[in-house]
Amino acid sequence: MDAMVIDINAIKDVIRTIKTQGQATVTTVEVIQEYHLNHRKSNLSVTNRSFNSIFGKLLRENEENLGIRYVREVIMHDPDIKVLQSAEWVIL
């Protein structure tokens, strides 16, 4: 199984950045996009599971440490993927 590490501290940086921009909530997809674009860290990638679901599970397991709380599942529209399921988180 191929796997790489996701940096929790980089995720904290992403959430802090989003919060300082005035957002009160954030989706898993937004965190992933910001993580990829600005932190260029290694990504956890397991061949039999989607990166989004693995990343979302990591957020759920680290809610308190990351300063977020799960709100609900949402449907997002992405120009490349069309429709994408994500979770919404309130930034504490």
Protein backbone atom coordinates (compact mmCIF):
# COMPACT_ATOMS: atom_id res chain seq x y z
CA MET A 1 0.00 0.00 0.00
CA ASP A 2 1.38 3.42 -0.98
CA ALA A 3 1.08 6.11 1.67
CA MET A 4 2.57 9.48 2.52
CA VAL A 5 2.15 11.71 5.56
CA ILE A 6 -0.25 14.64 5.96
CA ASP A 7 1.20 17.45 8.10
CA ILE A 8 -1.31 18.41 10.82
CA ASN A 9 0.57 21.66 11.51
CA ALA A 10 0.16 22.65 7.86
CA ILE A 11 -3.58 21.96 8.18
CA LYS A 12 -3.67 24.23 11.24
CA ASP A 13 -1.95 26.94 9.17
CA VAL A 14 -4.55 26.52 6.43
CA ILE A 15 -7.44 26.84 8.89
CA ARG A 16 -5.84 29.87 10.58
CA THR A 17 -5.37 31.54 7.19
CA ILE A 18 -8.99 30.90 6.22
CA LYS A 19 -10.19 32.23 9.59
CA THR A 20 -8.11 35.44 9.26
CA GLN A 21 -9.77 35.97 5.87
CA GLY A 22 -13.08 36.24 7.71
CA GLN A 23 -14.60 32.83 7.01
CA ALA A 24 -16.56 31.28 9.87
CA THR A 25 -16.92 27.89 8.20
CA VAL A 26 -14.83 25.85 5.81
CA THR A 27 -15.35 22.65 3.85
CA THR A 28 -12.99 19.70 3.65
CA VAL A 29 -12.57 20.44 -0.06
CA GLU A 30 -11.50 24.04 0.65
CA VAL A 31 -8.95 22.86 3.22
CA ILE A 32 -7.58 20.28 0.78
CA GLN A 33 -7.33 22.84 -2.03
CA GLU A 34 -5.51 25.37 0.17
CA TYR A 35 -3.25 22.61 1.54
CA HIS A 36 -2.28 21.54 -1.99
CA LEU A 37 -1.83 25.04 -3.37
CA ASN A 38 0.08 26.76 -0.60
CA HIS A 39 1.71 24.11 1.52
CA ARG A 40 2.69 21.53 -1.09
CA LYS A 41 3.05 18.88 1.60
CA SER A 42 2.97 15.16 1.04
CA ASN A 43 -0.49 13.68 0.80
CA LEU A 44 -1.81 10.53 2.37
CA SER A 45 -2.85 8.38 -0.54
CA VAL A 46 -4.16 4.87 -0.15
CA THR A 47 -5.11 3.19 -3.38
CA ASN A 48 -8.45 1.75 -2.21
CA ARG A 49 -9.84 4.97 -0.59
CA SER A 50 -10.38 8.49 -1.86
CA PHE A 51 -8.02 11.20 -0.64
CA ASN A 52 -11.04 13.37 0.25
CA SER A 53 -12.51 10.73 2.59
CA ILE A 54 -9.14 10.03 4.23
CA PHE A 55 -8.49 13.76 4.70
CA GLY A 56 -12.01 14.28 6.10
CA LYS A 57 -11.50 11.44 8.57
CA LEU A 58 -8.23 13.04 9.66
CA LEU A 59 -10.03 16.35 10.22
CA ARG A 60 -12.75 14.59 12.24
CA GLU A 61 -10.20 12.80 14.43
CA ASN A 62 -8.33 16.06 15.08
CA GLU A 63 -11.21 18.53 15.46
CA GLU A 64 -10.15 19.86 18.86
CA ASN A 65 -6.47 20.12 17.91
CA LEU A 66 -7.35 21.93 14.65
CA GLY A 67 -9.88 24.30 16.22
CA ILE A 68 -12.83 23.15 14.11
CA ARG A 69 -16.14 21.35 14.69
CA TYR A 70 -18.08 19.22 12.20
CA VAL A 71 -21.35 20.81 11.07
CA ARG A 72 -22.81 18.76 8.19
CA GLU A 73 -22.30 17.11 4.83
CA VAL A 74 -22.62 19.44 1.83
CA ILE A 75 -22.67 19.10 -1.95
CA MET A 76 -20.25 21.35 -3.81
CA HIS A 77 -20.01 22.10 -7.52
CA ASP A 78 -16.51 21.92 -8.94
CA PRO A 79 -15.85 22.92 -12.57
CA ASP A 80 -13.59 19.90 -13.10
CA ILE A 81 -15.48 17.25 -11.13
CA LYS A 82 -19.01 18.76 -11.40
CA VAL A 83 -20.53 17.57 -8.08
CA LEU A 84 -18.52 16.73 -5.00
CA GLN A 85 -19.58 15.67 -1.52
CA SER A 86 -17.75 17.38 1.33
CA ALA A 87 -18.07 18.15 5.02
CA GLU A 88 -18.58 21.62 6.44
CA TRP A 89 -16.69 22.66 9.57
CA VAL A 90 -17.18 25.66 11.84
CA ILE A 91 -13.89 27.38 12.68
CA LEU A 92 -13.68 27.93 16.44
